[in-house]
Structures are given as C-alpha cells and as structure tokens.
Protein backbone atom coordinates (compact mmCIF):
# COMPACT_ATOMS: atom_id res chain seq x y z
CA MET A 1 87.61 107.41 147.66
CA ALA A 2 89.74 104.57 146.34
CA THR A 3 86.77 103.44 144.23
CA ARG A 4 86.43 106.86 142.63
CA ARG A 5 90.17 106.91 141.86
CA LYS A 6 89.98 103.48 140.19
CA THR A 7 86.93 104.53 138.19
CA ALA A 8 88.67 107.73 137.06
CA GLU A 9 91.81 105.78 136.11
CA ALA A 10 89.73 103.24 134.17
CA ALA A 11 87.93 106.06 132.32
CA GLU A 12 91.29 107.72 131.51
CA VAL A 13 92.70 104.42 130.18
CA SER A 14 89.58 103.96 128.07
CA GLU A 15 89.87 107.51 126.69
CA ASN A 16 93.57 106.99 125.91
CA ALA A 17 92.80 103.75 124.07
CA GLU A 18 90.11 105.48 122.01
CA ALA A 19 92.43 108.41 121.25
CA ALA A 20 95.17 105.99 120.15
CA ALA A 21 92.74 104.16 117.88
CA VAL A 22 91.56 107.43 116.32
CA ALA A 23 95.17 108.60 115.90
CA ALA A 24 96.09 105.32 114.21
CA GLU A 25 93.16 105.68 111.83
CA GLY A 26 94.16 109.28 111.11
CA THR A 27 97.73 108.19 110.41
CA GLN A 28 96.53 105.57 107.94
CA ASP A 29 94.21 108.08 106.27
CA GLY A 30 97.00 110.64 106.14
CA ALA A 31 99.39 108.13 104.55
CA GLU A 32 96.93 107.58 101.72
CA LEU A 33 96.55 111.30 101.13
CA GLU A 34 100.17 112.39 101.55
CA PRO A 35 100.88 115.07 98.93
CA GLY A 36 103.23 114.09 96.14
CA VAL A 37 102.88 110.35 96.72
CA ASN A 38 100.68 108.36 94.37
CA THR A 39 98.63 105.53 95.72
CA THR A 40 98.54 102.22 93.92
CA GLU A 41 94.98 102.96 92.79
CA GLU A 42 96.08 106.25 91.20
CA GLU A 43 99.04 104.56 89.52
CA ASN A 44 96.86 101.74 88.24
CA ALA A 45 94.35 104.23 86.86
CA ALA A 46 97.11 106.19 85.14
CA VAL A 47 98.58 103.11 83.49
CA GLU A 48 95.15 101.78 82.51
CA ALA A 49 94.31 105.13 80.96
CA ALA A 50 97.61 105.05 79.07
CA GLU A 51 96.81 101.55 77.86
CA ALA A 52 93.32 102.54 76.68
CA PRO A 53 92.82 103.30 72.98
CA GLN A 54 93.53 106.93 72.24
CA GLY A 55 91.45 109.26 70.09
CA LYS A 56 92.67 111.82 67.58
CA GLU A 57 93.38 114.23 70.43
CA GLY A 58 96.24 112.07 71.69
CA ARG A 59 97.13 111.28 75.28
CA LYS A 60 95.46 113.97 77.36
CA LEU A 61 96.43 111.83 80.34
CA TRP A 62 99.84 113.47 80.51
CA GLU A 63 98.61 117.07 80.62
CA GLY A 64 100.20 119.02 83.43
CA TYR A 65 103.49 117.12 83.39
CA SER A 66 106.65 118.71 82.10
CA GLN A 67 109.28 115.98 82.51
CA PHE A 68 109.06 112.60 80.87
CA VAL A 69 111.31 109.58 80.85
CA TYR A 70 111.60 107.04 78.05
CA ILE A 71 111.52 103.62 79.70
CA GLY A 72 111.96 101.53 76.55
CA PRO A 73 115.11 99.93 75.17
CA SER A 74 117.77 102.07 73.51
CA ILE A 75 116.99 102.56 69.84
CA PRO A 76 119.88 101.93 67.41
CA GLY A 77 121.73 104.87 65.97
CA GLY A 78 121.49 106.89 69.21
CA LEU A 79 118.00 108.08 68.27
CA LEU A 80 116.59 107.48 71.75
CA LYS A 81 118.40 106.07 74.77
CA LYS A 82 116.87 104.05 77.58
CA ASN A 83 115.99 106.22 80.61
CA ALA A 84 116.36 109.44 78.62
CA VAL A 85 114.68 112.34 80.42
CA LEU A 86 112.85 114.75 78.15
CA ILE A 87 111.66 118.15 79.30
CA GLY A 88 108.56 119.79 77.86
CA GLU A 89 104.86 119.16 77.33
CA PHE A 90 103.91 115.74 75.96
CA GLU A 91 102.90 117.16 72.57
CA GLN A 92 106.22 119.02 72.28
CA ILE A 93 108.13 115.84 73.04
CA LYS A 94 106.09 113.91 70.48
CA ALA A 95 106.91 116.58 67.88
CA TYR A 96 110.61 116.41 68.77
CA LEU A 97 110.60 112.60 68.55
CA ALA A 98 108.45 112.46 65.38
CA PRO A 99 111.18 110.81 63.23
CA VAL A 100 111.74 108.16 65.91
CA LEU A 101 108.03 107.57 66.51
CA GLU A 102 107.52 107.14 62.77
CA LYS A 103 109.93 104.20 62.69
CA TYR A 104 109.16 102.90 66.18
CA PRO A 105 105.53 103.76 67.11
CA GLN A 106 105.64 101.63 70.30
CA ALA A 107 108.12 104.11 71.77
CA GLU A 108 105.30 106.60 72.37
CA LYS A 109 103.62 104.23 74.83
CA LEU A 110 106.90 104.02 76.76
CA LEU A 111 107.08 107.75 77.56
CA TYR A 112 105.98 108.37 81.15
CA PRO A 113 106.08 111.33 83.50
CA THR A 114 109.10 111.04 85.78
CA GLU A 115 106.74 110.76 88.76
CA LYS A 116 105.20 107.58 87.34
CA ALA A 117 108.34 106.03 85.82
CA GLY A 118 109.02 103.67 88.73
CA TYR A 119 105.58 102.14 88.49
CA ALA A 120 105.84 101.79 84.70
CA MET A 121 109.26 100.14 85.03
CA ARG A 122 107.77 97.56 87.37
CA LYS A 123 105.03 96.96 84.79
CA ILE A 124 107.72 96.28 82.14
CA GLN A 125 109.12 93.47 84.25
CA ALA A 126 105.73 91.88 84.91
CA GLN A 127 104.31 89.87 82.04
CA GLY A 128 100.69 90.13 80.97
CA ASN A 129 100.23 93.87 80.54
CA ILE A 130 100.40 96.31 77.64
CA VAL A 131 103.52 98.11 78.90
CA HIS A 132 105.48 94.83 78.92
CA LYS A 133 104.12 93.94 75.47
CA CYS A 134 105.10 97.32 73.99
CA TYR A 135 108.58 96.96 75.45
CA MET A 136 109.05 93.44 74.08
CA ASP A 137 107.62 94.43 70.67
CA LEU A 138 110.07 97.32 70.52
CA VAL A 139 112.98 95.03 71.45
CA SER A 140 111.96 92.64 68.64
CA LEU A 141 111.57 95.48 66.15
CA THR A 142 114.95 97.02 66.97
CA ASN A 143 116.65 93.61 66.72
CA ALA A 144 115.00 92.94 63.34
CA ARG A 145 116.02 96.37 62.01
CA MET A 146 119.60 95.88 63.20
CA LYS A 147 119.81 92.57 61.32
CA GLU A 148 118.51 94.28 58.16
CA GLU A 149 121.27 96.86 58.29
C-alpha cells in the first residue's frame, strides 16, 4: 500500500510540474498578446513603415488613429511646440499644419500616434535611424532660420 501511495504522489508531482510548465508558457504567450500593448516587433514594423518612402497617397500607416503627438523640437514663432498633442485624422492634421510643413517638411515624419510616441522618442535618442536624423535635421534647420531672422 505504501508503494501505491508513493507512486500516486510521484504521478501527482509530475502532473503539477507539467501544469506549471504549461501555465508558464501560457503566461508568456498571453504577455505577448495582451490587448493595448504593442510588442517590440509591432513597434519596429510601425517605425520601419513610417521610415519607408511614401507614395502620393501619403502615410496610410496612421489610419485608425485619432490622436497624434509631435515629437520634434519646438519650431520658432510658436508654430508647433514639442510634445504638442493634435486630435484628428492624420490627413486633417496635415492640412491644419500645412503652413508649418511647407517650411519644415521634416516635421511630418515626427508626428506619431500617442500610443507609439514613447517608442519614437527612444528612437530620437538613438543615433543611426531615420527618426533621429529627421529630428537633428529639423534642429539644424530651425537654428539656421533663427539666425537669418
């Protein structure tokens, strides 16, 4: 009888270990698929798509978003402030900012949905990517225009 009890306990321990392993896998899978949280792969794809050359149709990447943040430097004259939050579809925001985008075309590449702003801000600080280059080009352009005036 003692042998049967030990065998049953060993089987129960084995089942518990398997259940824990499956639960741990499920937790990891669930963390990747948690709603509202972007994975690094999704963020990378979004930024790469934003960095890709755009056709005449514009940036279809931002369809479905209704709040954007400008992550570039403040533009002189109060035209556009750093971290300004703009509400509306991307095309509406582009139309609203048309005078600014005419003078500073790099500013368009620094408009991101608020959900992706943190990732884009990290890209600004890291050298060797298009977001950082656009930011630095815009800083140079605003400094040059300020010296002209």
